[in-house]
PDB file of N, CA and C in Angstrom:
ATOM      1  N   MET A   1     -15.787  38.344 -15.687  1.00  0.00           N
ATOM      2  CA  MET A   1     -15.403  37.599 -14.515  1.00  0.00           C
ATOM      3  C   MET A   1     -14.107  36.812 -14.747  1.00  0.00           C
ATOM      4  N   GLU A   2     -13.991  36.252 -15.945  1.00  0.00           N
ATOM      5  CA  GLU A   2     -12.779  35.499 -16.258  1.00  0.00           C
ATOM      6  C   GLU A   2     -11.563  36.416 -16.327  1.00  0.00           C
ATOM      7  N   ASP A   3     -11.778  37.635 -16.790  1.00  0.00           N
ATOM      8  CA  ASP A   3     -10.677  38.596 -16.847  1.00  0.00           C
ATOM      9  C   ASP A   3     -10.154  38.909 -15.446  1.00  0.00           C
ATOM     10  N   LEU A   4     -11.076  39.004 -14.484  1.00  0.00           N
ATOM     11  CA  LEU A   4     -10.689  39.281 -13.110  1.00  0.00           C
ATOM     12  C   LEU A   4      -9.859  38.121 -12.535  1.00  0.00           C
ATOM     13  N   ARG A   5     -10.249  36.916 -12.826  1.00  0.00           N
ATOM     14  CA  ARG A   5      -9.496  35.737 -12.367  1.00  0.00           C
ATOM     15  C   ARG A   5      -8.093  35.721 -12.967  1.00  0.00           C
ATOM     16  N   THR A   6      -8.018  36.055 -14.235  1.00  0.00           N
ATOM     17  CA  THR A   6      -6.724  36.077 -14.910  1.00  0.00           C
ATOM     18  C   THR A   6      -5.818  37.137 -14.301  1.00  0.00           C
ATOM     19  N   LEU A   7      -6.376  38.311 -14.023  1.00  0.00           N
ATOM     20  CA  LEU A   7      -5.590  39.369 -13.393  1.00  0.00           C
ATOM     21  C   LEU A   7      -5.115  38.964 -12.001  1.00  0.00           C
ATOM     22  N   ASN A   8      -5.985  38.324 -11.222  1.00  0.00           N
ATOM     23  CA  ASN A   8      -5.604  37.886  -9.872  1.00  0.00           C
ATOM     24  C   ASN A   8      -4.495  36.843  -9.917  1.00  0.00           C
ATOM     25  N   LYS A   9      -4.543  35.977 -10.899  1.00  0.00           N
ATOM     26  CA  LYS A   9      -3.502  34.958 -11.033  1.00  0.00           C
ATOM     27  C   LYS A   9      -2.166  35.599 -11.364  1.00  0.00           C
ATOM     28  N   LEU A  10      -2.208  36.617 -12.208  1.00  0.00           N
ATOM     29  CA  LEU A  10      -0.974  37.287 -12.594  1.00  0.00           C
ATOM     30  C   LEU A  10      -0.404  38.116 -11.448  1.00  0.00           C
ATOM     31  N   LYS A  11      -1.275  38.696 -10.641  1.00  0.00           N
ATOM     32  CA  LYS A  11      -0.831  39.546  -9.543  1.00  0.00           C
ATOM     33  C   LYS A  11      -0.286  38.745  -8.360  1.00  0.00           C
ATOM     34  N   SER A  12      -0.844  37.569  -8.123  1.00  0.00           N
ATOM     35  CA  SER A  12      -0.436  36.817  -6.926  1.00  0.00           C
ATOM     36  C   SER A  12       1.013  36.361  -7.072  1.00  0.00           C
ATOM     37  N   PRO A  13       1.807  36.618  -6.032  1.00  0.00           N
ATOM     38  CA  PRO A  13       3.217  36.215  -6.121  1.00  0.00           C
ATOM     39  C   PRO A  13       3.345  34.694  -6.064  1.00  0.00           C
ATOM     40  N   LYS A  14       4.249  34.192  -6.830  1.00  0.00           N
ATOM     41  CA  LYS A  14       4.492  32.745  -6.825  1.00  0.00           C
ATOM     42  C   LYS A  14       5.255  32.378  -5.575  1.00  0.00           C
ATOM     43  N   ARG A  15       4.769  31.364  -4.879  1.00  0.00           N
ATOM     44  CA  ARG A  15       5.469  30.902  -3.693  1.00  0.00           C
ATOM     45  C   ARG A  15       6.590  29.964  -4.115  1.00  0.00           C
ATOM     46  N   PRO A  16       7.747  30.109  -3.489  1.00  0.00           N
ATOM     47  CA  PRO A  16       8.828  29.172  -3.831  1.00  0.00           C
ATOM     48  C   PRO A  16       8.464  27.765  -3.363  1.00  0.00           C
ATOM     49  N   VAL A  17       8.872  26.815  -4.131  1.00  0.00           N
ATOM     50  CA  VAL A  17       8.575  25.422  -3.809  1.00  0.00           C
ATOM     51  C   VAL A  17       9.568  24.952  -2.767  1.00  0.00           C
ATOM     52  N   SER A  18       9.048  24.340  -1.716  1.00  0.00           N
ATOM     53  CA  SER A  18       9.940  23.880  -0.646  1.00  0.00           C
ATOM     54  C   SER A  18      10.719  22.647  -1.099  1.00  0.00           C
ATOM     55  N   PRO A  19      11.916  22.434  -0.540  1.00  0.00           N
ATOM     56  CA  PRO A  19      12.729  21.294  -0.965  1.00  0.00           C
ATOM     57  C   PRO A  19      12.095  19.945  -0.655  1.00  0.00           C
ATOM     58  N   SER A  20      11.159  19.921   0.297  1.00  0.00           N
ATOM     59  CA  SER A  20      10.545  18.641   0.634  1.00  0.00           C
ATOM     60  C   SER A  20       9.264  18.393  -0.144  1.00  0.00           C
ATOM     61  N   SER A  21       8.921  19.295  -1.043  1.00  0.00           N
ATOM     62  CA  SER A  21       7.700  19.104  -1.819  1.00  0.00           C
ATOM     63  C   SER A  21       7.928  17.998  -2.848  1.00  0.00           C
ATOM     64  N   PRO A  22       6.846  17.400  -3.305  1.00  0.00           N
ATOM     65  CA  PRO A  22       6.990  16.275  -4.252  1.00  0.00           C
ATOM     66  C   PRO A  22       7.720  16.639  -5.541  1.00  0.00           C
ATOM     67  N   GLU A  23       7.710  17.937  -5.952  1.00  0.00           N
ATOM     68  CA  GLU A  23       8.395  18.288  -7.191  1.00  0.00           C
ATOM     69  C   GLU A  23       9.905  18.152  -7.073  1.00  0.00           C
ATOM     70  N   HIS A  24      10.449  18.345  -5.853  1.00  0.00           N
ATOM     71  CA  HIS A  24      11.889  18.301  -5.664  1.00  0.00           C
ATOM     72  C   HIS A  24      12.418  16.933  -5.251  1.00  0.00           C
ATOM     73  N   LEU A  25      11.547  16.040  -4.871  1.00  0.00           N
ATOM     74  CA  LEU A  25      12.004  14.719  -4.460  1.00  0.00           C
ATOM     75  C   LEU A  25      12.278  13.863  -5.691  1.00  0.00           C
ATOM     76  N   PRO A  26      13.347  13.104  -5.682  1.00  0.00           N
ATOM     77  CA  PRO A  26      13.612  12.247  -6.840  1.00  0.00           C
ATOM     78  C   PRO A  26      12.564  11.144  -6.924  1.00  0.00           C
ATOM     79  N   ALA A  27      12.259  10.776  -8.122  1.00  0.00           N
ATOM     80  CA  ALA A  27      11.245   9.737  -8.327  1.00  0.00           C
ATOM     81  C   ALA A  27      11.885   8.373  -8.115  1.00  0.00           C
ATOM     82  N   THR A  28      11.698   7.823  -6.933  1.00  0.00           N
ATOM     83  CA  THR A  28      12.231   6.494  -6.633  1.00  0.00           C
ATOM     84  C   THR A  28      11.078   5.515  -6.574  1.00  0.00           C
ATOM     85  N   PRO A  29      11.249   4.348  -7.103  1.00  0.00           N
ATOM     86  CA  PRO A  29      10.165   3.369  -7.026  1.00  0.00           C
ATOM     87  C   PRO A  29       9.964   2.940  -5.576  1.00  0.00           C
ATOM     88  N   LEU A  30       8.720   2.735  -5.224  1.00  0.00           N
ATOM     89  CA  LEU A  30       8.414   2.318  -3.855  1.00  0.00           C
ATOM     90  C   LEU A  30       8.864   0.888  -3.645  1.00  0.00           C
ATOM     91  N   GLU A  31       9.433   0.644  -2.474  1.00  0.00           N
ATOM     92  CA  GLU A  31       9.849  -0.715  -2.152  1.00  0.00           C
ATOM     93  C   GLU A  31       8.614  -1.574  -1.913  1.00  0.00           C
ATOM     94  N   ALA A  32       8.701  -2.809  -2.287  1.00  0.00           N
ATOM     95  CA  ALA A  32       7.598  -3.722  -2.032  1.00  0.00           C
ATOM     96  C   ALA A  32       7.555  -4.011  -0.535  1.00  0.00           C
ATOM     97  N   PRO A  33       6.423  -3.751   0.117  1.00  0.00           N
ATOM     98  CA  PRO A  33       6.377  -4.002   1.555  1.00  0.00           C
ATOM     99  C   PRO A  33       6.481  -5.496   1.837  1.00  0.00           C
ATOM    100  N   THR A  34       7.163  -5.824   2.917  1.00  0.00           N
ATOM    101  CA  THR A  34       7.305  -7.225   3.262  1.00  0.00           C
ATOM    102  C   THR A  34       5.964  -7.784   3.671  1.00  0.00           C
ATOM    103  N   GLN A  35       5.761  -9.032   3.384  1.00  0.00           N
ATOM    104  CA  GLN A  35       4.497  -9.692   3.710  1.00  0.00           C
ATOM    105  C   GLN A  35       4.322  -9.745   5.217  1.00  0.00           C
ATOM    106  N   ARG A  36       3.230  -9.220   5.704  1.00  0.00           N
ATOM    107  CA  ARG A  36       2.929  -9.250   7.133  1.00  0.00           C
ATOM    108  C   ARG A  36       1.795 -10.233   7.358  1.00  0.00           C
ATOM    109  N   TYR A  37       1.988 -11.121   8.320  1.00  0.00           N
ATOM    110  CA  TYR A  37       0.970 -12.095   8.668  1.00  0.00           C
ATOM    111  C   TYR A  37       0.295 -11.661   9.962  1.00  0.00           C
ATOM    112  N   GLU A  38      -0.974 -11.910  10.057  1.00  0.00           N
ATOM    113  CA  GLU A  38      -1.689 -11.610  11.288  1.00  0.00           C
ATOM    114  C   GLU A  38      -1.437 -12.759  12.259  1.00  0.00           C
ATOM    115  N   ALA A  39      -0.846 -12.436  13.399  1.00  0.00           N
ATOM    116  CA  ALA A  39      -0.547 -13.453  14.413  1.00  0.00           C
ATOM    117  C   ALA A  39      -0.728 -12.842  15.785  1.00  0.00           C
ATOM    118  N   ARG A  40      -1.467 -13.546  16.632  1.00  0.00           N
ATOM    119  CA  ARG A  40      -1.636 -13.111  18.017  1.00  0.00           C
ATOM    120  C   ARG A  40      -1.920 -14.328  18.885  1.00  0.00           C
ATOM    121  N   ILE A  41      -1.728 -14.148  20.181  1.00  0.00           N
ATOM    122  CA  ILE A  41      -1.968 -15.230  21.134  1.00  0.00           C
ATOM    123  C   ILE A  41      -3.049 -14.773  22.094  1.00  0.00           C
ATOM    124  N   GLU A  42      -4.084 -15.597  22.222  1.00  0.00           N
ATOM    125  CA  GLU A  42      -5.184 -15.308  23.133  1.00  0.00           C
ATOM    126  C   GLU A  42      -5.578 -16.588  23.849  1.00  0.00           C
ATOM    127  N   GLU A  43      -5.674 -16.507  25.170  1.00  0.00           N
ATOM    128  CA  GLU A  43      -6.160 -17.605  25.998  1.00  0.00           C
ATOM    129  C   GLU A  43      -5.454 -18.926  25.695  1.00  0.00           C
ATOM    130  N   GLY A  44      -4.144 -18.871  25.538  1.00  0.00           N
ATOM    131  CA  GLY A  44      -3.375 -20.085  25.310  1.00  0.00           C
ATOM    132  C   GLY A  44      -3.492 -20.676  23.921  1.00  0.00           C
ATOM    133  N   LYS A  45      -4.054 -19.916  22.987  1.00  0.00           N
ATOM    134  CA  LYS A  45      -4.170 -20.379  21.607  1.00  0.00           C
ATOM    135  C   LYS A  45      -3.533 -19.362  20.686  1.00  0.00           C
ATOM    136  N   LEU A  46      -3.023 -19.836  19.556  1.00  0.00           N
ATOM    137  CA  LEU A  46      -2.373 -18.981  18.566  1.00  0.00           C
ATOM    138  C   LEU A  46      -3.334 -18.748  17.415  1.00  0.00           C
ATOM    139  N   TYR A  47      -3.572 -17.477  17.105  1.00  0.00           N
ATOM    140  CA  TYR A  47      -4.345 -17.108  15.920  1.00  0.00           C
ATOM    141  C   TYR A  47      -3.346 -16.664  14.871  1.00  0.00           C
ATOM    142  N   TYR A  48      -3.275 -17.417  13.779  1.00  0.00           N
ATOM    143  CA  TYR A  48      -2.285 -17.151  12.741  1.00  0.00           C
ATOM    144  C   TYR A  48      -2.896 -17.406  11.379  1.00  0.00           C
ATOM    145  N   ASP A  49      -2.802 -16.420  10.509  1.00  0.00           N
ATOM    146  CA  ASP A  49      -3.262 -16.541   9.128  1.00  0.00           C
ATOM    147  C   ASP A  49      -4.715 -17.021   9.055  1.00  0.00           C
ATOM    148  N   LYS A  50      -5.569 -16.389   9.862  1.00  0.00           N
ATOM    149  CA  LYS A  50      -7.016 -16.637   9.899  1.00  0.00           C
ATOM    150  C   LYS A  50      -7.390 -18.025  10.401  1.00  0.00           C
ATOM    151  N   ARG A  51      -6.501 -18.656  11.180  1.00  0.00           N
ATOM    152  CA  ARG A  51      -6.792 -19.974  11.767  1.00  0.00           C
ATOM    153  C   ARG A  51      -6.301 -20.009  13.203  1.00  0.00           C
ATOM    154  N   TRP A  52      -6.956 -20.827  14.016  1.00  0.00           N
ATOM    155  CA  TRP A  52      -6.555 -21.006  15.409  1.00  0.00           C
ATOM    156  C   TRP A  52      -5.733 -22.276  15.542  1.00  0.00           C
ATOM    157  N   TYR A  53      -4.654 -22.197  16.318  1.00  0.00           N
ATOM    158  CA  TYR A  53      -3.779 -23.337  16.599  1.00  0.00           C
ATOM    159  C   TYR A  53      -3.680 -23.483  18.111  1.00  0.00           C
ATOM    160  N   HIS A  54      -3.578 -24.716  18.578  1.00  0.00           N
ATOM    161  CA  HIS A  54      -3.539 -24.973  20.015  1.00  0.00           C
ATOM    162  C   HIS A  54      -2.448 -25.978  20.349  1.00  0.00           C
ATOM    163  N   LYS A  55      -2.241 -26.163  21.638  1.00  0.00           N
ATOM    164  CA  LYS A  55      -1.224 -27.092  22.124  1.00  0.00           C
ATOM    165  C   LYS A  55      -1.527 -28.499  21.617  1.00  0.00           C
ATOM    166  N   SER A  56      -0.481 -29.238  21.311  1.00  0.00           N
ATOM    167  CA  SER A  56      -0.498 -30.621  20.807  1.00  0.00           C
ATOM    168  C   SER A  56      -1.088 -30.760  19.404  1.00  0.00           C
ATOM    169  N   GLN A  57      -1.159 -29.665  18.674  1.00  0.00           N
ATOM    170  CA  GLN A  57      -1.641 -29.722  17.291  1.00  0.00           C
ATOM    171  C   GLN A  57      -0.469 -29.977  16.353  1.00  0.00           C
ATOM    172  N   ALA A  58      -0.679 -30.848  15.380  1.00  0.00           N
ATOM    173  CA  ALA A  58       0.345 -31.178  14.391  1.00  0.00           C
ATOM    174  C   ALA A  58       0.382 -30.096  13.315  1.00  0.00           C
ATOM    175  N   ILE A  59       1.592 -29.581  13.022  1.00  0.00           N
ATOM    176  CA  ILE A  59       1.751 -28.505  12.038  1.00  0.00           C
ATOM    177  C   ILE A  59       2.985 -28.767  11.179  1.00  0.00           C
ATOM    178  N   TYR A  60       3.073 -28.040  10.087  1.00  0.00           N
ATOM    179  CA  TYR A  60       4.308 -27.928   9.321  1.00  0.00           C
ATOM    180  C   TYR A  60       4.851 -26.536   9.576  1.00  0.00           C
ATOM    181  N   LEU A  61       6.139 -26.438   9.834  1.00  0.00           N
ATOM    182  CA  LEU A  61       6.798 -25.161  10.048  1.00  0.00           C
ATOM    183  C   LEU A  61       7.735 -24.930   8.868  1.00  0.00           C
ATOM    184  N   GLU A  62       7.455 -23.876   8.113  1.00  0.00           N
ATOM    185  CA  GLU A  62       8.279 -23.559   6.945  1.00  0.00           C
ATOM    186  C   GLU A  62       9.099 -22.321   7.257  1.00  0.00           C
ATOM    187  N   SER A  63      10.386 -22.357   6.903  1.00  0.00           N
ATOM    188  CA  SER A  63      11.261 -21.216   7.141  1.00  0.00           C
ATOM    189  C   SER A  63      11.527 -20.501   5.825  1.00  0.00           C
ATOM    190  N   LYS A  64      12.246 -19.381   5.904  1.00  0.00           N
ATOM    191  CA  LYS A  64      12.572 -18.619   4.701  1.00  0.00           C
ATOM    192  C   LYS A  64      13.452 -19.413   3.751  1.00  0.00           C
ATOM    193  N   GLU A  65      14.213 -20.359   4.289  1.00  0.00           N
ATOM    194  CA  GLU A  65      15.103 -21.172   3.455  1.00  0.00           C
ATOM    195  C   GLU A  65      14.346 -22.299   2.758  1.00  0.00           C
ATOM    196  N   ASN A  66      13.010 -22.236   2.780  1.00  0.00           N
ATOM    197  CA  ASN A  66      12.140 -23.227   2.142  1.00  0.00           C
ATOM    198  C   ASN A  66      12.294 -24.624   2.735  1.00  0.00           C
ATOM    199  N   THR A  67      12.644 -24.708   4.011  1.00  0.00           N
ATOM    200  CA  THR A  67      12.666 -25.999   4.679  1.00  0.00           C
ATOM    201  C   THR A  67      11.317 -26.215   5.345  1.00  0.00           C
ATOM    202  N   LYS A  68      10.796 -27.414   5.199  1.00  0.00           N
ATOM    203  CA  LYS A  68       9.493 -27.760   5.752  1.00  0.00           C
ATOM    204  C   LYS A  68       9.709 -28.794   6.845  1.00  0.00           C
ATOM    205  N   ILE A  69       9.391 -28.426   8.094  1.00  0.00           N
ATOM    206  CA  ILE A  69       9.648 -29.290   9.237  1.00  0.00           C
ATOM    207  C   ILE A  69       8.308 -29.737   9.812  1.00  0.00           C
ATOM    208  N   SER A  70       8.174 -31.007  10.050  1.00  0.00           N
ATOM    209  CA  SER A  70       6.983 -31.544  10.690  1.00  0.00           C
ATOM    210  C   SER A  70       7.123 -31.370  12.198  1.00  0.00           C
ATOM    211  N   CYS A  71       6.152 -30.693  12.829  1.00  0.00           N
ATOM    212  CA  CYS A  71       6.241 -30.359  14.253  1.00  0.00           C
ATOM    213  C   CYS A  71       4.907 -30.569  14.942  1.00  0.00           C
ATOM    214  N   VAL A  72       4.974 -30.509  16.274  1.00  0.00           N
ATOM    215  CA  VAL A  72       3.787 -30.501  17.122  1.00  0.00           C
ATOM    216  C   VAL A  72       3.947 -29.315  18.068  1.00  0.00           C
ATOM    217  N   ILE A  73       2.880 -28.540  18.251  1.00  0.00           N
ATOM    218  CA  ILE A  73       2.952 -27.404  19.163  1.00  0.00           C
ATOM    219  C   ILE A  73       3.050 -27.937  20.590  1.00  0.00           C
ATOM    220  N   SER A  74       4.147 -27.607  21.256  1.00  0.00           N
ATOM    221  CA  SER A  74       4.402 -28.086  22.608  1.00  0.00           C
ATOM    222  C   SER A  74       3.729 -27.202  23.649  1.00  0.00           C
ATOM    223  N   SER A  75       3.856 -25.872  23.495  1.00  0.00           N
ATOM    224  CA  SER A  75       3.181 -24.945  24.400  1.00  0.00           C
ATOM    225  C   SER A  75       3.018 -23.597  23.710  1.00  0.00           C
ATOM    226  N   VAL A  76       2.054 -22.839  24.214  1.00  0.00           N
ATOM    227  CA  VAL A  76       1.788 -21.503  23.690  1.00  0.00           C
ATOM    228  C   VAL A  76       1.958 -20.539  24.848  1.00  0.00           C
ATOM    229  N   GLY A  77       2.985 -19.684  24.775  1.00  0.00           N
ATOM    230  CA  GLY A  77       3.250 -18.699  25.823  1.00  0.00           C
ATOM    231  C   GLY A  77       2.547 -17.391  25.532  1.00  0.00           C
ATOM    232  N   THR A  78       3.029 -16.311  26.153  1.00  0.00           N
ATOM    233  CA  THR A  78       2.410 -15.001  25.927  1.00  0.00           C
ATOM    234  C   THR A  78       2.959 -14.313  24.690  1.00  0.00           C
ATOM    235  N   ASN A  79       4.216 -14.616  24.324  1.00  0.00           N
ATOM    236  CA  ASN A  79       4.850 -13.957  23.190  1.00  0.00           C
ATOM    237  C   ASN A  79       5.548 -14.943  22.264  1.00  0.00           C
ATOM    238  N   GLU A  80       5.450 -16.222  22.554  1.00  0.00           N
ATOM    239  CA  GLU A  80       6.132 -17.216  21.732  1.00  0.00           C
ATOM    240  C   GLU A  80       5.396 -18.548  21.809  1.00  0.00           C
ATOM    241  N   ILE A  81       5.716 -19.409  20.857  1.00  0.00           N
ATOM    242  CA  ILE A  81       5.227 -20.793  20.915  1.00  0.00           C
ATOM    243  C   ILE A  81       6.440 -21.705  20.882  1.00  0.00           C
ATOM    244  N   TRP A  82       6.304 -22.845  21.547  1.00  0.00           N
ATOM    245  CA  TRP A  82       7.334 -23.877  21.512  1.00  0.00           C
ATOM    246  C   TRP A  82       6.809 -25.017  20.663  1.00  0.00           C
ATOM    247  N   VAL A  83       7.636 -25.481  19.720  1.00  0.00           N
ATOM    248  CA  VAL A  83       7.260 -26.610  18.873  1.00  0.00           C
ATOM    249  C   VAL A  83       8.300 -27.712  19.037  1.00  0.00           C
ATOM    250  N   ARG A  84       7.830 -28.945  18.945  1.00  0.00           N
ATOM    251  CA  ARG A  84       8.719 -30.108  19.032  1.00  0.00           C
ATOM    252  C   ARG A  84       8.769 -30.763  17.666  1.00  0.00           C
ATOM    253  N   LYS A  85       9.979 -30.891  17.137  1.00  0.00           N
ATOM    254  CA  LYS A  85      10.150 -31.542  15.835  1.00  0.00           C
ATOM    255  C   LYS A  85       9.834 -33.028  15.995  1.00  0.00           C
ATOM    256  N   THR A  86       9.090 -33.570  15.053  1.00  0.00           N
ATOM    257  CA  THR A  86       8.749 -34.988  15.146  1.00  0.00           C
ATOM    258  C   THR A  86       9.910 -35.871  14.705  1.00  0.00           C
ATOM    259  N   SER A  87      10.859 -35.302  13.949  1.00  0.00           N
ATOM    260  CA  SER A  87      11.973 -36.116  13.451  1.00  0.00           C
ATOM    261  C   SER A  87      12.953 -36.487  14.562  1.00  0.00           C
ATOM    262  N   ASP A  88      13.313 -35.516  15.430  1.00  0.00           N
ATOM    263  CA  ASP A  88      14.311 -35.808  16.457  1.00  0.00           C
ATOM    264  C   ASP A  88      13.890 -35.345  17.858  1.00  0.00           C
ATOM    265  N   SER A  89      12.665 -34.922  18.027  1.00  0.00           N
ATOM    266  CA  SER A  89      12.086 -34.509  19.313  1.00  0.00           C
ATOM    267  C   SER A  89      12.787 -33.304  19.954  1.00  0.00           C
ATOM    268  N   THR A  90      13.502 -32.522  19.180  1.00  0.00           N
ATOM    269  CA  THR A  90      14.084 -31.299  19.738  1.00  0.00           C
ATOM    270  C   THR A  90      13.031 -30.204  19.715  1.00  0.00           C
ATOM    271  N   LYS A  91      13.164 -29.270  20.663  1.00  0.00           N
ATOM    272  CA  LYS A  91      12.204 -28.176  20.756  1.00  0.00           C
ATOM    273  C   LYS A  91      12.787 -26.902  20.176  1.00  0.00           C
ATOM    274  N   MET A  92      11.914 -26.102  19.594  1.00  0.00           N
ATOM    275  CA  MET A  92      12.285 -24.806  19.036  1.00  0.00           C
ATOM    276  C   MET A  92      11.320 -23.757  19.578  1.00  0.00           C
ATOM    277  N   ARG A  93      11.857 -22.574  19.860  1.00  0.00           N
ATOM    278  CA  ARG A  93      11.002 -21.467  20.285  1.00  0.00           C
ATOM    279  C   ARG A  93      10.796 -20.547  19.085  1.00  0.00           C
ATOM    280  N   ILE A  94       9.555 -20.255  18.773  1.00  0.00           N
ATOM    281  CA  ILE A  94       9.200 -19.371  17.672  1.00  0.00           C
ATOM    282  C   ILE A  94       8.496 -18.160  18.277  1.00  0.00           C
ATOM    283  N   TYR A  95       9.078 -16.979  18.071  1.00  0.00           N
ATOM    284  CA  TYR A  95       8.481 -15.762  18.606  1.00  0.00           C
ATOM    285  C   TYR A  95       7.362 -15.269  17.696  1.00  0.00           C
ATOM    286  N   LEU A  96       6.419 -14.577  18.301  1.00  0.00           N
ATOM    287  CA  LEU A  96       5.283 -14.034  17.570  1.00  0.00           C
ATOM    288  C   LEU A  96       5.745 -13.089  16.458  1.00  0.00           C
ATOM    289  N   GLY A  97       6.774 -12.293  16.732  1.00  0.00           N
ATOM    290  CA  GLY A  97       7.303 -11.369  15.725  1.00  0.00           C
ATOM    291  C   GLY A  97       7.848 -12.086  14.505  1.00  0.00           C
ATOM    292  N   GLN A  98       8.436 -13.261  14.706  1.00  0.00           N
ATOM    293  CA  GLN A  98       8.949 -14.037  13.572  1.00  0.00           C
ATOM    294  C   GLN A  98       7.800 -14.514  12.686  1.00  0.00           C
ATOM    295  N   LEU A  99       6.688 -14.876  13.300  1.00  0.00           N
ATOM    296  CA  LEU A  99       5.521 -15.291  12.521  1.00  0.00           C
ATOM    297  C   LEU A  99       4.918 -14.107  11.783  1.00  0.00           C
ATOM    298  N   GLN A 100       4.865 -12.943  12.435  1.00  0.00           N
ATOM    299  CA  GLN A 100       4.294 -11.760  11.806  1.00  0.00           C
ATOM    300  C   GLN A 100       5.143 -11.284  10.642  1.00  0.00           C
ATOM    301  N   ARG A 101       6.461 -11.381  10.750  1.00  0.00           N
ATOM    302  CA  ARG A 101       7.365 -10.961   9.668  1.00  0.00           C
ATOM    303  C   ARG A 101       7.417 -11.969   8.526  1.00  0.00           C
ATOM    304  N   GLY A 102       7.044 -13.186   8.796  1.00  0.00           N
ATOM    305  CA  GLY A 102       7.111 -14.214   7.758  1.00  0.00           C
ATOM    306  C   GLY A 102       8.404 -15.000   7.787  1.00  0.00           C
ATOM    307  N   ALA A 103       9.199 -14.865   8.866  1.00  0.00           N
ATOM    308  CA  ALA A 103      10.427 -15.648   8.983  1.00  0.00           C
ATOM    309  C   ALA A 103      10.084 -17.137   9.080  1.00  0.00           C
ATOM    310  N   PHE A 104       8.979 -17.438   9.719  1.00  0.00           N
ATOM    311  CA  PHE A 104       8.437 -18.794   9.777  1.00  0.00           C
ATOM    312  C   PHE A 104       6.982 -18.740   9.363  1.00  0.00           C
ATOM    313  N   VAL A 105       6.539 -19.784   8.681  1.00  0.00           N
ATOM    314  CA  VAL A 105       5.150 -19.898   8.248  1.00  0.00           C
ATOM    315  C   VAL A 105       4.608 -21.211   8.796  1.00  0.00           C
ATOM    316  N   ILE A 106       3.421 -21.159   9.357  1.00  0.00           N
ATOM    317  CA  ILE A 106       2.788 -22.356   9.914  1.00  0.00           C
ATOM    318  C   ILE A 106       1.706 -22.832   8.958  1.00  0.00           C
ATOM    319  N   ARG A 107       1.682 -24.129   8.717  1.00  0.00           N
ATOM    320  CA  ARG A 107       0.646 -24.771   7.893  1.00  0.00           C
ATOM    321  C   ARG A 107       0.036 -25.906   8.701  1.00  0.00           C
ATOM    322  N   ARG A 108      -1.235 -26.127   8.517  1.00  0.00           N
ATOM    323  CA  ARG A 108      -1.901 -27.234   9.199  1.00  0.00           C
ATOM    324  C   ARG A 108      -1.410 -28.559   8.642  1.00  0.00           C
ATOM    325  N   ARG A 109      -1.434 -29.565   9.517  1.00  0.00           N
ATOM    326  CA  ARG A 109      -1.039 -30.920   9.108  1.00  0.00           C
ATOM    327  C   ARG A 109      -2.038 -31.873   9.713  1.00  0.00           C
ATOM    328  N   SER A 110      -2.445 -32.852   8.952  1.00  0.00           N
ATOM    329  CA  SER A 110      -3.394 -33.827   9.499  1.00  0.00           C
ATOM    330  C   SER A 110      -2.689 -34.645  10.593  1.00  0.00           C
ATOM    331  N   ALA A 111      -3.426 -35.034  11.608  1.00  0.00           N
ATOM    332  CA  ALA A 111      -2.859 -35.728  12.762  1.00  0.00           C
ATOM    333  C   ALA A 111      -2.372 -37.127  12.423  1.00  0.00           C
ATOM    334  N   ALA A 112      -2.877 -37.710  11.366  1.00  0.00           N
ATOM    335  CA  ALA A 112      -2.495 -39.096  11.015  1.00  0.00           C
ATOM    336  C   ALA A 112      -1.179 -39.168  10.306  1.00  0.00           C
TER     337      ALA A 112
END
């Protein structure tokens, strides 16, 4: 039986390897995927990083430049949230996509 298998292997024509097969692709290291955060808005509340946030909640807003801003959530829209900085009372709009990409990170802050 093994002889028959050996003969069949020798008789079968070798298929040429396609250029897109893994043998022909250069071995490049995989890029590290960017950190994705789970963020969505439901019923006027923001679900972000396994926590719910609502209007008038005190938060810290951290950006990619490692700046930490003390804010209060002013409103929660359908695709963005508005936050008011406690330092100078200016408002900023933060889009849901920015939170999902990690451009901004929200942390809880005690109200006191």
